[in-house]
Amino acid sequence: MAIEIKEIHPIKSELKAFVTFPIDTLYADNPYYVPALVTDEIDTLLPGKNPAFEFCEAVYYMAYRDGKPVGRIAGIINRVVNERMGKKEARFGFVDFVDDNEVVDALFQAVQQWAVAKGMTQLTGPLGFTDMDREGCLVEGFDQLVTQATIYNHAYYKDHLERMGFVKDADWIEMRIMVPDQIPEKMARVAEIVRTRFNLHTVRFTSRKKLVSQYGTAIFNLINEAYDSLFGYSPLTQGQIDHYIKLYLPFLPLDHISLIVDQDETLIGVGISIPSLSKALIKGRGRLLPLGWWHLLRAFKGHTNIVDLMLVAVKPEYQNKGANALLFTDLIPVFQRRGYEWAESNPELELNNKVLSQWEYFETDHNKRRRAYTKEI
């Protein structure tokens, strides 16, 4: 039967099918695929919920054969990134499909036609609206559990993208970092030198209200500074910052957040980690009901031996000066108390030596690689 492509309108009733296709169909029995929370994913795709629509536009398509879903894709245009980079680039993302040339070609043809009609000359992905979304096609590590912040996809995705003429634009690598029994001696020395030389100290909070009021906005402003030059970075607007403060800071374990400040209490570095929610999300199939909330609560309370390193951001003038050592000497004792065996780094650009060099103190395993592909259209 011929493939039917349907445009999915940005309303909850239609987006639910778009979001649940990979969860309930394509990866229903896959032990490595980690679903996003369905409600969060729908909100990401809704113009009224996601502040990125202040500067983005998007279109969603699903492919059907015999009335059954066999693929999905989103087309996204981020006007801010295009202006910063001097490009006319459309992004593809939220993409999943069965191993079938006809299905894949129909999905990408739909997005390409939309992009060309919008005046775009390049198609790149998988990317989301901004760097706060999942990005990068998995090209190594198909037998590894991914984190709640990353994409899992079948090995054949890469083959189809390359068959259609897509080429590598950027690679991210991911590390499994073993939690040491003791803070590495060299790291401890570096941390003390940095603390003394620059008059820095770490700050912890036991009150979420104080964390948000004193440093909520500062954390995301720092992320904008630290990540500004990275691949495809889309600076967070104040609307996005307010949104993410409400979305994330009320739920992150406070002992997993380490801040570095100078003598004036100005924020110069932040490290945010979280107990791995991957297995909990799998058990709940991306839903909070009936028992998804229970599995997530257990993970937050320490029923996991994995910690996910969500982000590390340091002011540019302090990068490559050992500030990261301060963050990890602060966080490692927490990881030890929690009984974590290893940490997942989440994606790091393969050319970002400033970040990759921080793992030299640890026993590591490069366990995953993911890629952004691009082509002229």
Protein backbone atom coordinates (compact mmCIF):
# COMPACT_ATOMS: atom_id res chain seq x y z
CA MET A 1 0.00 0.00 0.00
CA ALA A 2 1.11 3.58 -0.67
CA ILE A 3 2.44 5.70 2.15
CA GLU A 4 0.09 8.43 3.37
CA ILE A 5 1.64 11.57 4.90
CA LYS A 6 -0.58 13.59 7.23
CA GLU A 7 0.22 16.97 8.71
CA ILE A 8 -0.34 16.89 12.46
CA HIS A 9 -1.97 20.03 13.80
CA PRO A 10 -0.50 21.54 16.98
CA ILE A 11 -3.34 20.51 19.26
CA LYS A 12 -3.08 18.02 22.12
CA SER A 13 -5.42 15.43 20.63
CA GLU A 14 -3.31 15.08 17.47
CA LEU A 15 0.07 15.56 19.09
CA LYS A 16 -0.56 12.67 21.48
CA ALA A 17 -0.40 10.20 18.58
CA PHE A 18 2.74 11.93 17.26
CA VAL A 19 4.47 11.71 20.66
CA THR A 20 3.43 8.17 21.60
CA PHE A 21 4.28 6.52 18.24
CA PRO A 22 7.89 5.66 19.22
CA ILE A 23 6.89 4.73 22.78
CA ASP A 24 4.01 2.39 22.00
CA THR A 25 5.00 1.12 18.56
CA LEU A 26 8.56 1.48 17.36
CA TYR A 27 10.39 0.91 20.67
CA ALA A 28 7.74 -0.81 22.73
CA ASP A 29 10.04 -3.74 23.56
CA ASN A 30 13.43 -2.05 23.31
CA PRO A 31 15.33 -2.07 26.64
CA TYR A 32 17.58 0.90 25.74
CA TYR A 33 14.98 3.41 24.53
CA VAL A 34 13.99 5.97 27.19
CA PRO A 35 10.74 7.84 26.51
CA ALA A 36 10.27 11.47 27.35
CA LEU A 37 7.31 12.29 29.57
CA VAL A 38 4.39 12.43 27.16
CA THR A 39 2.92 15.55 28.75
CA ASP A 40 6.26 17.39 28.59
CA GLU A 41 6.84 16.37 24.97
CA ILE A 42 3.39 17.59 23.93
CA ASP A 43 3.99 20.90 25.69
CA THR A 44 7.31 21.26 23.83
CA LEU A 45 5.46 20.98 20.51
CA LEU A 46 2.64 23.39 21.43
CA PRO A 47 3.09 27.06 20.47
CA GLY A 48 1.13 28.17 23.51
CA LYS A 49 3.37 26.23 25.90
CA ASN A 50 6.90 26.42 24.52
CA PRO A 51 8.43 29.95 24.64
CA ALA A 52 10.83 28.96 21.84
CA PHE A 53 7.95 29.71 19.46
CA GLU A 54 8.77 33.38 20.05
CA PHE A 55 11.48 32.88 17.42
CA CYS A 56 10.76 29.43 15.95
CA GLU A 57 8.16 27.93 13.65
CA ALA A 58 7.45 24.25 13.14
CA VAL A 59 5.48 21.66 11.19
CA TYR A 60 4.73 18.03 12.11
CA TYR A 61 4.07 15.05 9.85
CA MET A 62 3.20 11.41 10.39
CA ALA A 63 3.44 8.57 7.87
CA TYR A 64 0.78 5.86 7.69
CA ARG A 65 0.52 2.56 5.85
CA ASP A 66 -2.81 0.73 5.88
CA GLY A 67 -3.99 3.23 8.47
CA LYS A 68 -1.17 2.35 10.89
CA PRO A 69 1.57 4.82 11.91
CA VAL A 70 5.02 4.00 10.52
CA GLY A 71 6.93 7.24 11.01
CA ARG A 72 6.99 10.82 12.24
CA ILE A 73 9.07 13.96 11.73
CA ALA A 74 9.11 17.64 12.67
CA GLY A 75 10.43 20.51 10.61
CA ILE A 76 11.71 23.49 12.62
CA ILE A 77 13.10 26.90 11.70
CA ASN A 78 15.01 28.73 14.43
CA ARG A 79 15.27 32.31 13.20
CA VAL A 80 17.71 33.38 15.94
CA VAL A 81 20.28 30.71 15.07
CA ASN A 82 19.89 31.44 11.35
CA GLU A 83 20.53 35.14 11.94
CA ARG A 84 23.52 34.44 14.19
CA MET A 85 25.06 31.99 11.71
CA GLY A 86 24.04 33.71 8.48
CA LYS A 87 22.20 30.59 7.30
CA LYS A 88 18.88 29.66 5.75
CA GLU A 89 18.63 26.39 7.63
CA ALA A 90 15.66 24.26 8.56
CA ARG A 91 16.00 21.61 11.24
CA PHE A 92 14.46 18.17 11.31
CA GLY A 93 13.78 16.57 14.66
CA PHE A 94 11.43 14.38 16.68
CA VAL A 95 12.06 11.88 13.90
CA ASP A 96 11.34 8.15 14.05
CA PHE A 97 10.54 5.63 11.35
CA VAL A 98 10.41 1.96 10.42
CA ASP A 99 13.19 0.54 8.26
CA ASP A 100 11.59 1.28 4.90
CA ASN A 101 12.94 3.51 2.12
CA GLU A 102 9.48 4.56 0.97
CA VAL A 103 8.46 5.69 4.45
CA VAL A 104 11.68 7.58 5.10
CA ASP A 105 11.72 9.28 1.71
CA ALA A 106 8.11 10.42 2.08
CA LEU A 107 8.70 11.90 5.53
CA PHE A 108 11.82 13.81 4.53
CA GLN A 109 10.31 14.94 1.25
CA ALA A 110 7.42 16.50 3.18
CA VAL A 111 9.76 18.43 5.48
CA GLN A 112 12.05 19.41 2.63
CA GLN A 113 9.16 20.81 0.58
CA TRP A 114 7.97 22.79 3.61
CA ALA A 115 11.47 24.14 4.22
CA VAL A 116 12.01 25.16 0.60
CA ALA A 117 8.64 26.93 0.58
CA LYS A 118 9.89 28.90 3.60
CA GLY A 119 13.02 29.97 1.69
CA MET A 120 15.43 27.58 3.41
CA THR A 121 18.41 26.12 1.57
CA GLN A 122 19.75 23.63 4.12
CA LEU A 123 18.28 20.83 6.24
CA THR A 124 20.08 19.77 9.44
CA GLY A 125 19.28 17.42 12.30
CA PRO A 126 18.13 15.70 14.33
CA LEU A 127 17.82 18.91 16.35
CA GLY A 128 15.08 20.41 18.47
CA PHE A 129 13.90 23.97 18.82
CA THR A 130 16.93 24.78 21.00
CA ASP A 131 19.72 22.97 22.84
CA MET A 132 17.31 22.27 25.69
CA ASP A 133 15.70 19.59 23.47
CA ARG A 134 17.05 16.17 22.57
CA GLU A 135 19.43 16.21 19.61
CA GLY A 136 21.80 14.03 17.61
CA CYS A 137 21.27 10.71 15.82
CA LEU A 138 22.81 7.84 17.77
CA VAL A 139 25.57 6.29 15.61
CA GLU A 140 27.42 4.25 18.28
CA GLY A 141 26.19 2.63 21.48
CA PHE A 142 22.97 0.93 20.40
CA ASP A 143 23.32 -1.58 23.24
CA GLN A 144 23.56 1.16 25.89
CA LEU A 145 20.78 2.67 27.99
CA VAL A 146 20.41 6.33 27.07
CA THR A 147 19.64 9.14 29.49
CA GLN A 148 16.35 10.97 29.87
CA ALA A 149 17.90 13.91 28.02
CA THR A 150 19.02 12.05 24.87
CA ILE A 151 17.71 10.31 21.78
CA TYR A 152 17.74 6.57 21.23
CA ASN A 153 17.31 5.35 17.68
CA HIS A 154 17.81 2.17 15.68
CA ALA A 155 21.11 1.66 13.85
CA TYR A 156 19.38 1.91 10.48
CA TYR A 157 18.59 5.63 10.94
CA LYS A 158 22.20 6.49 10.07
CA ASP A 159 22.06 4.37 6.92
CA HIS A 160 18.90 6.07 5.67
CA LEU A 161 20.23 9.56 6.33
CA GLU A 162 23.43 8.83 4.43
CA ARG A 163 21.48 7.16 1.63
CA MET A 164 19.52 10.40 1.19
CA GLY A 165 22.72 12.43 0.89
CA PHE A 166 23.07 13.77 4.43
CA VAL A 167 26.63 14.26 5.67
CA LYS A 168 28.15 14.79 9.11
CA ASP A 169 27.81 18.30 10.51
CA ALA A 170 28.88 17.68 14.13
CA ASP A 171 29.43 14.78 16.53
CA TRP A 172 28.83 14.50 20.25
CA ILE A 173 30.38 11.80 22.40
CA GLU A 174 29.18 10.48 25.74
CA MET A 175 31.15 9.04 28.62
CA ARG A 176 30.45 6.67 31.44
CA ILE A 177 32.49 8.04 34.35
CA MET A 178 33.11 5.78 37.32
CA VAL A 179 32.48 7.43 40.68
CA PRO A 180 35.79 7.16 42.57
CA ASP A 181 36.10 5.93 46.14
CA GLN A 182 38.02 9.10 46.96
CA ILE A 183 38.36 12.50 45.34
CA PRO A 184 41.32 12.16 42.93
CA GLU A 185 44.38 13.70 44.56
CA LYS A 186 45.36 15.81 41.56
CA MET A 187 41.81 17.16 41.25
CA ALA A 188 41.76 18.10 44.93
CA ARG A 189 45.06 20.00 44.53
CA VAL A 190 43.79 21.86 41.46
CA ALA A 191 40.55 22.75 43.23
CA GLU A 192 42.43 24.22 46.19
CA ILE A 193 44.74 26.25 43.94
CA VAL A 194 41.79 27.66 42.02
CA ARG A 195 39.88 28.40 45.21
CA THR A 196 42.82 30.38 46.62
CA ARG A 197 44.09 32.08 43.46
CA PHE A 198 40.71 33.46 42.35
CA ASN A 199 39.06 33.73 45.77
CA LEU A 200 36.23 31.38 44.82
CA HIS A 201 33.99 29.17 46.91
CA THR A 202 31.12 26.75 46.35
CA VAL A 203 27.60 27.41 47.53
CA ARG A 204 24.84 24.95 48.43
CA PHE A 205 21.18 25.59 49.17
CA THR A 206 18.69 23.79 51.38
CA SER A 207 15.89 26.18 50.37
CA ARG A 208 14.58 26.08 46.80
CA LYS A 209 13.01 29.49 47.27
CA LYS A 210 16.39 31.02 48.09
CA LEU A 211 18.11 29.20 45.21
CA VAL A 212 15.56 30.52 42.72
CA SER A 213 15.49 34.06 44.10
CA GLN A 214 19.27 34.45 44.38
CA TYR A 215 20.56 32.46 41.43
CA GLY A 216 17.67 31.15 39.29
CA THR A 217 18.05 33.64 36.46
CA ALA A 218 21.82 33.84 36.95
CA ILE A 219 22.19 30.09 36.27
CA PHE A 220 20.57 30.36 32.85
CA ASN A 221 22.38 33.60 32.01
CA LEU A 222 25.60 31.76 32.78
CA ILE A 223 24.55 28.91 30.47
CA ASN A 224 24.07 31.47 27.70
CA GLU A 225 27.57 32.84 28.29
CA ALA A 226 29.31 29.49 28.58
CA TYR A 227 27.60 27.82 25.60
CA ASP A 228 27.41 30.82 23.27
CA SER A 229 30.05 29.59 20.80
CA LEU A 230 28.94 25.95 20.69
CA PHE A 231 27.44 24.26 17.63
CA GLY A 232 24.01 25.64 16.75
CA TYR A 233 23.51 27.29 20.13
CA SER A 234 20.28 29.24 20.52
CA PRO A 235 20.58 31.77 23.38
CA LEU A 236 17.81 31.44 25.93
CA THR A 237 15.40 34.36 26.04
CA GLN A 238 14.02 35.72 29.30
CA GLY A 239 10.77 33.94 28.50
CA GLN A 240 12.59 30.64 28.16
CA ILE A 241 14.60 31.29 31.32
CA ASP A 242 11.41 31.94 33.32
CA HIS A 243 9.89 28.79 31.80
CA TYR A 244 12.83 26.54 32.67
CA ILE A 245 13.15 27.92 36.18
CA LYS A 246 9.54 26.83 36.81
CA LEU A 247 9.98 23.54 34.95
CA TYR A 248 13.26 22.27 36.43
CA LEU A 249 14.42 24.01 39.59
CA PRO A 250 11.45 22.89 41.74
CA PHE A 251 12.32 19.23 41.11
CA LEU A 252 16.10 18.96 40.98
CA PRO A 253 17.65 17.48 44.17
CA LEU A 254 19.34 20.40 45.89
CA ASP A 255 22.36 18.36 46.94
CA HIS A 256 22.98 17.63 43.23
CA ILE A 257 23.44 21.34 42.41
CA SER A 258 26.82 22.98 43.01
CA LEU A 259 27.43 26.68 42.43
CA ILE A 260 30.78 28.47 42.30
CA VAL A 261 30.80 32.15 43.26
CA ASP A 262 33.50 34.79 43.63
CA GLN A 263 34.18 37.09 46.55
CA ASP A 264 31.20 39.25 45.54
CA GLU A 265 28.89 36.20 45.44
CA THR A 266 28.67 36.52 41.64
CA LEU A 267 27.99 33.20 39.94
CA ILE A 268 30.89 31.97 37.82
CA GLY A 269 30.19 28.24 37.59
CA VAL A 270 27.40 25.70 38.00
CA GLY A 271 27.18 21.92 37.94
CA ILE A 272 23.76 20.25 37.83
CA SER A 273 23.22 16.51 38.09
CA ILE A 274 20.20 14.31 38.68
CA PRO A 275 19.55 10.69 39.67
CA SER A 276 19.07 8.66 36.50
CA LEU A 277 15.37 8.55 35.61
CA SER A 278 15.88 6.30 32.59
CA LYS A 279 14.63 3.03 34.07
CA ALA A 280 11.76 4.80 35.83
CA LEU A 281 10.60 6.38 32.56
CA ILE A 282 10.79 3.01 30.82
CA LYS A 283 8.65 1.40 33.52
CA GLY A 284 6.09 4.19 33.29
CA ARG A 285 6.21 4.24 29.47
CA GLY A 286 6.53 8.02 29.60
CA ARG A 287 3.33 8.46 31.62
CA LEU A 288 2.78 9.60 35.17
CA LEU A 289 -0.33 7.45 35.55
CA PRO A 290 -1.13 4.94 36.79
CA LEU A 291 2.28 4.26 38.44
CA GLY A 292 4.80 6.29 36.47
CA TRP A 293 4.94 8.91 39.22
CA TRP A 294 5.85 6.19 41.74
CA HIS A 295 8.80 4.93 39.69
CA LEU A 296 10.07 8.50 39.23
CA LEU A 297 9.72 9.22 42.94
CA ARG A 298 11.74 6.11 43.82
CA ALA A 299 14.50 7.19 41.41
CA PHE A 300 14.61 10.67 42.96
CA LYS A 301 14.86 9.08 46.40
CA GLY A 302 17.95 7.12 45.41
CA HIS A 303 16.73 3.81 43.96
CA THR A 304 19.30 3.97 41.16
CA ASN A 305 23.06 3.47 40.96
CA ILE A 306 23.50 5.97 38.10
CA VAL A 307 23.74 9.76 38.19
CA ASP A 308 23.28 11.89 35.07
CA LEU A 309 25.47 14.95 34.68
CA MET A 310 23.00 17.33 33.10
CA LEU A 311 25.25 20.33 32.58
CA VAL A 312 28.43 22.09 33.61
CA ALA A 313 28.77 25.78 32.79
CA VAL A 314 31.67 28.07 33.67
CA LYS A 315 32.16 31.72 32.75
CA PRO A 316 34.46 31.96 29.71
CA GLU A 317 37.15 33.86 31.63
CA TYR A 318 37.43 30.97 34.12
CA GLN A 319 37.39 28.13 31.60
CA ASN A 320 40.53 25.99 31.35
CA LYS A 321 41.65 27.32 34.74
CA GLY A 322 40.50 24.42 36.90
CA ALA A 323 37.10 25.73 38.01
CA ASN A 324 35.51 22.41 37.03
CA ALA A 325 37.64 20.72 39.68
CA LEU A 326 35.88 22.82 42.32
CA LEU A 327 32.49 21.59 41.13
CA PHE A 328 33.44 17.93 41.18
CA THR A 329 35.22 17.99 44.53
CA ASP A 330 31.92 19.39 45.83
CA LEU A 331 29.69 16.83 44.07
CA ILE A 332 31.71 13.61 44.38
CA PRO A 333 30.99 13.19 48.14
CA VAL A 334 27.27 13.51 47.34
CA PHE A 335 27.56 10.81 44.66
CA GLN A 336 29.39 8.56 47.13
CA ARG A 337 26.74 9.04 49.83
CA ARG A 338 24.01 8.29 47.33
CA GLY A 339 25.69 5.04 46.32
CA TYR A 340 26.13 5.94 42.65
CA GLU A 341 28.49 3.64 40.78
CA TRP A 342 28.89 5.76 37.68
CA ALA A 343 27.83 8.98 36.02
CA GLU A 344 26.62 9.53 32.46
CA SER A 345 28.15 12.63 30.90
CA ASN A 346 25.35 13.33 28.39
CA PRO A 347 26.43 14.62 24.93
CA GLU A 348 29.62 16.67 24.60
CA LEU A 349 30.91 17.97 21.29
CA GLU A 350 33.85 15.86 20.18
CA LEU A 351 35.94 19.00 19.49
CA ASN A 352 35.17 20.66 22.83
CA ASN A 353 38.48 19.89 24.52
CA LYS A 354 37.70 22.29 27.37
CA VAL A 355 34.94 19.94 28.52
CA LEU A 356 36.48 16.61 27.55
CA SER A 357 39.70 17.35 29.44
CA GLN A 358 37.83 17.42 32.77
CA TRP A 359 37.46 13.62 32.68
CA GLU A 360 41.23 12.99 32.75
CA TYR A 361 41.04 12.46 36.52
CA PHE A 362 38.55 9.58 36.24
CA GLU A 363 38.16 6.06 34.92
CA THR A 364 35.96 6.51 31.85
CA ASP A 365 34.37 4.56 29.03
CA HIS A 366 33.35 6.24 25.77
CA ASN A 367 30.06 4.41 25.36
CA LYS A 368 27.97 6.45 22.89
CA ARG A 369 28.33 8.78 19.92
CA ARG A 370 25.66 10.82 18.19
CA ARG A 371 25.66 12.98 15.08
CA ALA A 372 23.95 15.96 13.46
CA TYR A 373 23.59 15.52 9.71
CA THR A 374 23.11 18.20 7.07
CA LYS A 375 22.52 18.62 3.34
CA GLU A 376 21.69 21.34 0.84
CA ILE A 377 18.08 21.39 -0.35
